[in-house]
């Protein structure tokens, strides 16, 4: 690294380093520690919220309500309540910050159905109609193989993207996604897989490490 590049990196905040994939101090930075504690309060409030009483008159998505409960997710993720109403998140739900999870999709279609556990130290992007089985883990955070860097208490983070458009992705139970990772549209991920790297549209992937098991025909166009 050149002297100028080193000086530029040193001028970055720990949060900026985290989001750029650089080594950062997650435990010694008040901003990052405060962000994780903020998320814990919202997560406890959401996970401990009493379940609603069944009412056959109400729409199915009310299963995850009421609005008072969904507002907790809206505050956690920094999104409007209208968008939080499109999320179907089963408790217990865990994340590091919440503010680095980006849900793509329109307000007219369900975004996700997910009891999943992301470490969102880097950007975690979830597209429309992504379904997660229980205990799916998304690990954007990692530690270097460099022992000296680990001794210094530093970690790194790399983004995870699960489809950016409307084609559905299905992720089986206990699968693990490790950043950097990008999953294409129409992908199925077998249960128990460990996934890292980029995968194209319309494939079945699985294994440890995951590889392409099958190519699929593109689905018919979706009409809203």
C-alpha atoms as a PDB file:
ATOM      1  CA  UNK A   1       0.000   0.000   0.000  1.00  0.00           C
ATOM      2  CA  UNK A   2       1.334   3.439  -0.931  1.00  0.00           C
ATOM      3  CA  UNK A   3       1.806   6.140   1.690  1.00  0.00           C
ATOM      4  CA  UNK A   4      -1.077   8.178   0.257  1.00  0.00           C
ATOM      5  CA  UNK A   5      -3.390   5.158   0.220  1.00  0.00           C
ATOM      6  CA  UNK A   6      -2.419   4.307   3.781  1.00  0.00           C
ATOM      7  CA  UNK A   7      -3.161   7.862   4.936  1.00  0.00           C
ATOM      8  CA  UNK A   8      -6.513   7.816   3.123  1.00  0.00           C
ATOM      9  CA  UNK A   9      -7.461   4.544   4.830  1.00  0.00           C
ATOM     10  CA  UNK A  10      -6.466   5.866   8.236  1.00  0.00           C
ATOM     11  CA  UNK A  11      -8.727   8.876   7.681  1.00  0.00           C
ATOM     12  CA  UNK A  12     -11.767   6.623   7.315  1.00  0.00           C
ATOM     13  CA  UNK A  13     -14.072   5.927  10.233  1.00  0.00           C
ATOM     14  CA  UNK A  14     -14.328   2.353  11.472  1.00  0.00           C
ATOM     15  CA  UNK A  15     -17.824   2.153   9.955  1.00  0.00           C
ATOM     16  CA  UNK A  16     -16.493   3.291   6.578  1.00  0.00           C
ATOM     17  CA  UNK A  17     -13.730   0.696   6.750  1.00  0.00           C
ATOM     18  CA  UNK A  18     -16.290  -1.974   7.656  1.00  0.00           C
ATOM     19  CA  UNK A  19     -18.484  -1.184   4.661  1.00  0.00           C
ATOM     20  CA  UNK A  20     -15.479  -1.094   2.289  1.00  0.00           C
ATOM     21  CA  UNK A  21     -14.129  -4.522   3.191  1.00  0.00           C
ATOM     22  CA  UNK A  22     -11.125  -3.103   5.063  1.00  0.00           C
ATOM     23  CA  UNK A  23      -9.831  -4.231   8.446  1.00  0.00           C
ATOM     24  CA  UNK A  24     -11.758  -2.431  11.191  1.00  0.00           C
ATOM     25  CA  UNK A  25     -12.069  -2.385  14.966  1.00  0.00           C
ATOM     26  CA  UNK A  26     -15.603  -3.463  15.834  1.00  0.00           C
ATOM     27  CA  UNK A  27     -15.227  -3.579  19.618  1.00  0.00           C
ATOM     28  CA  UNK A  28     -13.206  -0.407  20.159  1.00  0.00           C
ATOM     29  CA  UNK A  29     -15.363   1.964  18.145  1.00  0.00           C
ATOM     30  CA  UNK A  30     -18.226   3.660  20.054  1.00  0.00           C
ATOM     31  CA  UNK A  31     -20.286   4.168  16.890  1.00  0.00           C
ATOM     32  CA  UNK A  32     -20.252   0.479  15.975  1.00  0.00           C
ATOM     33  CA  UNK A  33     -20.812  -0.739  19.529  1.00  0.00           C
ATOM     34  CA  UNK A  34     -23.702   1.694  19.878  1.00  0.00           C
ATOM     35  CA  UNK A  35     -25.182   0.477  16.588  1.00  0.00           C
ATOM     36  CA  UNK A  36     -25.185  -3.138  17.733  1.00  0.00           C
ATOM     37  CA  UNK A  37     -26.720  -2.248  21.107  1.00  0.00           C
ATOM     38  CA  UNK A  38     -29.402  -0.247  19.301  1.00  0.00           C
ATOM     39  CA  UNK A  39     -30.243  -3.311  17.216  1.00  0.00           C
ATOM     40  CA  UNK A  40     -30.420  -5.552  20.299  1.00  0.00           C
ATOM     41  CA  UNK A  41     -33.170  -3.409  21.808  1.00  0.00           C
ATOM     42  CA  UNK A  42     -35.290  -3.625  18.663  1.00  0.00           C
ATOM     43  CA  UNK A  43     -34.630  -7.370  18.306  1.00  0.00           C
ATOM     44  CA  UNK A  44     -35.686  -8.094  21.876  1.00  0.00           C
ATOM     45  CA  UNK A  45     -38.844  -6.026  21.435  1.00  0.00           C
ATOM     46  CA  UNK A  46     -39.727  -7.813  18.180  1.00  0.00           C
ATOM     47  CA  UNK A  47     -38.879 -11.345  19.286  1.00  0.00           C
ATOM     48  CA  UNK A  48     -40.707 -10.976  22.632  1.00  0.00           C
ATOM     49  CA  UNK A  49     -43.830  -9.358  21.165  1.00  0.00           C
ATOM     50  CA  UNK A  50     -46.946 -11.487  21.921  1.00  0.00           C
ATOM     51  CA  UNK A  51     -48.328 -13.281  18.867  1.00  0.00           C
ATOM     52  CA  UNK A  52     -51.592 -11.943  17.428  1.00  0.00           C
ATOM     53  CA  UNK A  53     -54.938 -13.656  17.960  1.00  0.00           C
ATOM     54  CA  UNK A  54     -56.165 -15.466  14.880  1.00  0.00           C
ATOM     55  CA  UNK A  55     -58.950 -13.694  13.025  1.00  0.00           C
ATOM     56  CA  UNK A  56     -60.213 -15.296   9.766  1.00  0.00           C
ATOM     57  CA  UNK A  57     -61.355 -11.884   8.539  1.00  0.00           C
ATOM     58  CA  UNK A  58     -57.845 -10.428   8.531  1.00  0.00           C
ATOM     59  CA  UNK A  59     -55.426 -10.951   5.618  1.00  0.00           C
ATOM     60  CA  UNK A  60     -52.702 -13.600   6.019  1.00  0.00           C
ATOM     61  CA  UNK A  61     -49.909 -11.048   6.483  1.00  0.00           C
ATOM     62  CA  UNK A  62     -51.590  -9.939   9.722  1.00  0.00           C
ATOM     63  CA  UNK A  63     -50.064 -13.131  11.115  1.00  0.00           C
ATOM     64  CA  UNK A  64     -46.890 -11.069  11.529  1.00  0.00           C
ATOM     65  CA  UNK A  65     -48.588  -7.942  12.905  1.00  0.00           C
ATOM     66  CA  UNK A  66     -50.025  -5.807  14.310  1.00  0.00           C
ATOM     67  CA  UNK A  67     -48.583  -2.531  13.031  1.00  0.00           C
ATOM     68  CA  UNK A  68     -47.121  -1.800  16.443  1.00  0.00           C
ATOM     69  CA  UNK A  69     -44.935  -4.885  16.095  1.00  0.00           C
ATOM     70  CA  UNK A  70     -44.076  -4.216  12.449  1.00  0.00           C
ATOM     71  CA  UNK A  71     -43.047  -0.675  13.367  1.00  0.00           C
ATOM     72  CA  UNK A  72     -40.229  -2.250  15.390  1.00  0.00           C
ATOM     73  CA  UNK A  73     -38.862  -3.796  12.189  1.00  0.00           C
ATOM     74  CA  UNK A  74     -39.357  -0.529  10.333  1.00  0.00           C
ATOM     75  CA  UNK A  75     -37.276   1.279  12.948  1.00  0.00           C
ATOM     76  CA  UNK A  76     -34.637  -1.469  13.009  1.00  0.00           C
ATOM     77  CA  UNK A  77     -34.180  -1.487   9.223  1.00  0.00           C
ATOM     78  CA  UNK A  78     -34.804   2.230   8.695  1.00  0.00           C
ATOM     79  CA  UNK A  79     -37.728   1.722   6.313  1.00  0.00           C
ATOM     80  CA  UNK A  80     -41.336   2.980   6.093  1.00  0.00           C
ATOM     81  CA  UNK A  81     -44.009   0.977   7.906  1.00  0.00           C
ATOM     82  CA  UNK A  82     -45.667   0.286   4.536  1.00  0.00           C
ATOM     83  CA  UNK A  83     -42.601  -1.653   3.421  1.00  0.00           C
ATOM     84  CA  UNK A  84     -42.239  -3.449   6.755  1.00  0.00           C
ATOM     85  CA  UNK A  85     -45.790  -4.770   6.240  1.00  0.00           C
ATOM     86  CA  UNK A  86     -44.452  -6.772   3.291  1.00  0.00           C
ATOM     87  CA  UNK A  87     -41.926  -8.622   5.451  1.00  0.00           C
ATOM     88  CA  UNK A  88     -42.726 -12.004   6.951  1.00  0.00           C
ATOM     89  CA  UNK A  89     -40.082 -12.585   9.599  1.00  0.00           C
ATOM     90  CA  UNK A  90     -40.517 -15.378  12.108  1.00  0.00           C
ATOM     91  CA  UNK A  91     -38.963 -14.957  15.558  1.00  0.00           C
ATOM     92  CA  UNK A  92     -36.352 -15.416  16.788  1.00  0.00           C
ATOM     93  CA  UNK A  93     -34.625 -13.037  14.401  1.00  0.00           C
ATOM     94  CA  UNK A  94     -31.056 -11.816  14.873  1.00  0.00           C
ATOM     95  CA  UNK A  95     -28.772  -9.360  13.118  1.00  0.00           C
ATOM     96  CA  UNK A  96     -25.865  -7.099  14.013  1.00  0.00           C
ATOM     97  CA  UNK A  97     -27.064  -3.646  12.970  1.00  0.00           C
ATOM     98  CA  UNK A  98     -30.221  -3.883  10.861  1.00  0.00           C
ATOM     99  CA  UNK A  99     -29.286  -0.703   9.031  1.00  0.00           C
ATOM    100  CA  UNK A 100     -27.078  -2.648   6.602  1.00  0.00           C
ATOM    101  CA  UNK A 101     -29.878  -4.988   5.470  1.00  0.00           C
ATOM    102  CA  UNK A 102     -31.480  -3.767   2.267  1.00  0.00           C
ATOM    103  CA  UNK A 103     -34.783  -5.296   1.177  1.00  0.00           C
ATOM    104  CA  UNK A 104     -35.446  -4.800  -2.522  1.00  0.00           C
ATOM    105  CA  UNK A 105     -38.870  -5.046  -4.109  1.00  0.00           C
ATOM    106  CA  UNK A 106     -42.130  -3.264  -4.639  1.00  0.00           C
ATOM    107  CA  UNK A 107     -44.815  -2.527  -2.093  1.00  0.00           C
ATOM    108  CA  UNK A 108     -47.234  -4.634  -4.166  1.00  0.00           C
ATOM    109  CA  UNK A 109     -45.487  -7.952  -3.629  1.00  0.00           C
ATOM    110  CA  UNK A 110     -44.206  -9.819  -0.567  1.00  0.00           C
ATOM    111  CA  UNK A 111     -40.511  -9.229  -0.020  1.00  0.00           C
ATOM    112  CA  UNK A 112     -39.451 -12.231   2.015  1.00  0.00           C
ATOM    113  CA  UNK A 113     -40.491 -15.036   4.289  1.00  0.00           C
ATOM    114  CA  UNK A 114     -37.593 -15.634   6.570  1.00  0.00           C
ATOM    115  CA  UNK A 115     -36.484 -16.873   9.936  1.00  0.00           C
ATOM    116  CA  UNK A 116     -32.845 -16.095   9.162  1.00  0.00           C
ATOM    117  CA  UNK A 117     -29.766 -14.814  10.955  1.00  0.00           C
ATOM    118  CA  UNK A 118     -27.608 -12.279   9.096  1.00  0.00           C
ATOM    119  CA  UNK A 119     -24.447 -10.647  10.348  1.00  0.00           C
ATOM    120  CA  UNK A 120     -24.909  -7.386   8.467  1.00  0.00           C
ATOM    121  CA  UNK A 121     -21.503  -5.803   9.000  1.00  0.00           C
ATOM    122  CA  UNK A 122     -21.380  -5.386   5.220  1.00  0.00           C
ATOM    123  CA  UNK A 123     -24.409  -4.779   3.018  1.00  0.00           C
ATOM    124  CA  UNK A 124     -26.853  -7.698   2.959  1.00  0.00           C
ATOM    125  CA  UNK A 125     -29.298  -7.280   0.069  1.00  0.00           C
ATOM    126  CA  UNK A 126     -32.454  -9.417  -0.173  1.00  0.00           C
ATOM    127  CA  UNK A 127     -34.625  -9.340  -3.290  1.00  0.00           C
ATOM    128  CA  UNK A 128     -38.345  -9.892  -3.723  1.00  0.00           C
ATOM    129  CA  UNK A 129     -39.913 -13.303  -3.073  1.00  0.00           C
ATOM    130  CA  UNK A 130     -36.903 -14.775  -1.333  1.00  0.00           C
ATOM    131  CA  UNK A 131     -37.855 -17.623   0.993  1.00  0.00           C
ATOM    132  CA  UNK A 132     -35.642 -18.828   3.820  1.00  0.00           C
ATOM    133  CA  UNK A 133     -36.074 -22.090   5.696  1.00  0.00           C
ATOM    134  CA  UNK A 134     -35.211 -22.090   9.420  1.00  0.00           C
ATOM    135  CA  UNK A 135     -31.684 -21.397  10.618  1.00  0.00           C
ATOM    136  CA  UNK A 136     -30.280 -19.902   7.441  1.00  0.00           C
ATOM    137  CA  UNK A 137     -27.141 -17.972   8.358  1.00  0.00           C
ATOM    138  CA  UNK A 138     -25.690 -15.074   6.391  1.00  0.00           C
ATOM    139  CA  UNK A 139     -22.140 -14.240   7.401  1.00  0.00           C
ATOM    140  CA  UNK A 140     -20.839 -11.002   5.980  1.00  0.00           C
ATOM    141  CA  UNK A 141     -18.339 -10.627   8.839  1.00  0.00           C
ATOM    142  CA  UNK A 142     -15.127 -12.610   8.973  1.00  0.00           C
ATOM    143  CA  UNK A 143     -11.622 -12.578  10.395  1.00  0.00           C
ATOM    144  CA  UNK A 144      -8.369 -12.609   8.474  1.00  0.00           C
ATOM    145  CA  UNK A 145      -6.114 -15.655   8.239  1.00  0.00           C
ATOM    146  CA  UNK A 146      -3.397 -13.193   9.287  1.00  0.00           C
ATOM    147  CA  UNK A 147      -2.823 -13.954  12.977  1.00  0.00           C
ATOM    148  CA  UNK A 148      -1.313 -10.510  13.595  1.00  0.00           C
ATOM    149  CA  UNK A 149      -4.495  -8.857  12.314  1.00  0.00           C
ATOM    150  CA  UNK A 150      -6.633 -11.038  14.569  1.00  0.00           C
ATOM    151  CA  UNK A 151      -4.420 -10.271  17.560  1.00  0.00           C
ATOM    152  CA  UNK A 152      -5.085  -6.587  16.923  1.00  0.00           C
ATOM    153  CA  UNK A 153      -8.810  -7.263  17.370  1.00  0.00           C
ATOM    154  CA  UNK A 154      -9.673  -6.430  13.764  1.00  0.00           C
ATOM    155  CA  UNK A 155     -12.245  -8.042  11.521  1.00  0.00           C
ATOM    156  CA  UNK A 156     -13.471  -7.614   7.958  1.00  0.00           C
ATOM    157  CA  UNK A 157     -16.838  -7.770   6.211  1.00  0.00           C
ATOM    158  CA  UNK A 158     -17.932  -8.553   2.647  1.00  0.00           C
ATOM    159  CA  UNK A 159     -21.380  -8.087   1.046  1.00  0.00           C
ATOM    160  CA  UNK A 160     -23.993 -10.763   0.422  1.00  0.00           C
ATOM    161  CA  UNK A 161     -26.653 -10.272  -2.268  1.00  0.00           C
ATOM    162  CA  UNK A 162     -29.600 -12.607  -2.786  1.00  0.00           C
ATOM    163  CA  UNK A 163     -31.163 -11.597  -6.135  1.00  0.00           C
ATOM    164  CA  UNK A 164     -31.917  -7.990  -7.073  1.00  0.00           C
ATOM    165  CA  UNK A 165     -35.061  -8.550  -9.141  1.00  0.00           C
ATOM    166  CA  UNK A 166     -38.413 -10.259  -8.758  1.00  0.00           C
ATOM    167  CA  UNK A 167     -37.490 -13.867  -9.464  1.00  0.00           C
ATOM    168  CA  UNK A 168     -37.867 -16.080  -6.415  1.00  0.00           C
ATOM    169  CA  UNK A 169     -34.985 -17.689  -4.553  1.00  0.00           C
ATOM    170  CA  UNK A 170     -35.472 -20.589  -2.131  1.00  0.00           C
ATOM    171  CA  UNK A 171     -32.811 -21.269   0.521  1.00  0.00           C
ATOM    172  CA  UNK A 172     -33.026 -24.547   2.415  1.00  0.00           C
ATOM    173  CA  UNK A 173     -32.640 -24.997   6.151  1.00  0.00           C
ATOM    174  CA  UNK A 174     -29.272 -24.559   7.846  1.00  0.00           C
ATOM    175  CA  UNK A 175     -27.672 -23.204   4.687  1.00  0.00           C
ATOM    176  CA  UNK A 176     -24.848 -20.733   5.237  1.00  0.00           C
ATOM    177  CA  UNK A 177     -24.020 -17.827   2.919  1.00  0.00           C
ATOM    178  CA  UNK A 178     -20.558 -16.301   3.336  1.00  0.00           C
ATOM    179  CA  UNK A 179     -19.562 -12.964   1.831  1.00  0.00           C
ATOM    180  CA  UNK A 180     -18.553 -12.008  -0.724  1.00  0.00           C
ATOM    181  CA  UNK A 181     -21.520 -13.817  -2.255  1.00  0.00           C
ATOM    182  CA  UNK A 182     -24.097 -13.079  -4.952  1.00  0.00           C
ATOM    183  CA  UNK A 183     -27.060 -15.351  -5.690  1.00  0.00           C
ATOM    184  CA  UNK A 184     -28.869 -14.994  -9.016  1.00  0.00           C
ATOM    185  CA  UNK A 185     -32.597 -15.091  -9.745  1.00  0.00           C
ATOM    186  CA  UNK A 186     -34.586 -18.314  -9.563  1.00  0.00           C
ATOM    187  CA  UNK A 187     -31.903 -20.139  -7.565  1.00  0.00           C
ATOM    188  CA  UNK A 188     -32.571 -23.012  -5.169  1.00  0.00           C
ATOM    189  CA  UNK A 189     -29.988 -23.657  -2.448  1.00  0.00           C
ATOM    190  CA  UNK A 190     -29.991 -27.122  -0.892  1.00  0.00           C
ATOM    191  CA  UNK A 191     -30.316 -27.489   2.874  1.00  0.00           C
ATOM    192  CA  UNK A 192     -27.030 -27.491   4.758  1.00  0.00           C
ATOM    193  CA  UNK A 193     -25.024 -25.921   1.934  1.00  0.00           C
ATOM    194  CA  UNK A 194     -22.096 -23.580   2.534  1.00  0.00           C
ATOM    195  CA  UNK A 195     -22.201 -20.933  -0.174  1.00  0.00           C
ATOM    196  CA  UNK A 196     -19.530 -18.402  -1.136  1.00  0.00           C
ATOM    197  CA  UNK A 197     -18.912 -16.627  -4.428  1.00  0.00           C
ATOM    198  CA  UNK A 198     -21.188 -15.738  -7.345  1.00  0.00           C
ATOM    199  CA  UNK A 199     -23.864 -18.011  -8.816  1.00  0.00           C
ATOM    200  CA  UNK A 200     -25.896 -17.359 -11.976  1.00  0.00           C
ATOM    201  CA  UNK A 201     -29.662 -17.316 -12.486  1.00  0.00           C
ATOM    202  CA  UNK A 202     -31.833 -20.436 -12.511  1.00  0.00           C
ATOM    203  CA  UNK A 203     -29.607 -23.080 -10.975  1.00  0.00           C
ATOM    204  CA  UNK A 204     -29.791 -25.533  -8.087  1.00  0.00           C
ATOM    205  CA  UNK A 205     -26.703 -25.346  -5.889  1.00  0.00           C
ATOM    206  CA  UNK A 206     -25.649 -27.434  -2.930  1.00  0.00           C
ATOM    207  CA  UNK A 207     -22.818 -29.023  -1.018  1.00  0.00           C
ATOM    208  CA  UNK A 208     -19.862 -28.012   1.140  1.00  0.00           C
ATOM    209  CA  UNK A 209     -18.591 -25.944  -0.538  1.00  0.00           C
ATOM    210  CA  UNK A 210     -21.639 -25.330  -2.712  1.00  0.00           C
ATOM    211  CA  UNK A 211     -21.454 -25.938  -6.449  1.00  0.00           C
ATOM    212  CA  UNK A 212     -23.970 -25.961  -9.287  1.00  0.00           C
ATOM    213  CA  UNK A 213     -25.918 -29.234  -9.281  1.00  0.00           C
ATOM    214  CA  UNK A 214     -28.476 -28.478 -11.969  1.00  0.00           C
ATOM    215  CA  UNK A 215     -29.421 -25.812 -14.506  1.00  0.00           C
ATOM    216  CA  UNK A 216     -33.093 -24.824 -14.653  1.00  0.00           C
ATOM    217  CA  UNK A 217     -35.251 -23.389 -17.421  1.00  0.00           C
ATOM    218  CA  UNK A 218     -36.139 -19.729 -16.779  1.00  0.00           C
ATOM    219  CA  UNK A 219     -39.632 -19.369 -15.275  1.00  0.00           C
ATOM    220  CA  UNK A 220     -42.518 -17.799 -17.153  1.00  0.00           C
ATOM    221  CA  UNK A 221     -42.711 -14.009 -16.774  1.00  0.00           C
ATOM    222  CA  UNK A 222     -44.410 -12.911 -13.579  1.00  0.00           C
ATOM    223  CA  UNK A 223     -47.419 -10.631 -13.892  1.00  0.00           C
ATOM    224  CA  UNK A 224     -48.286  -8.482 -10.885  1.00  0.00           C
END
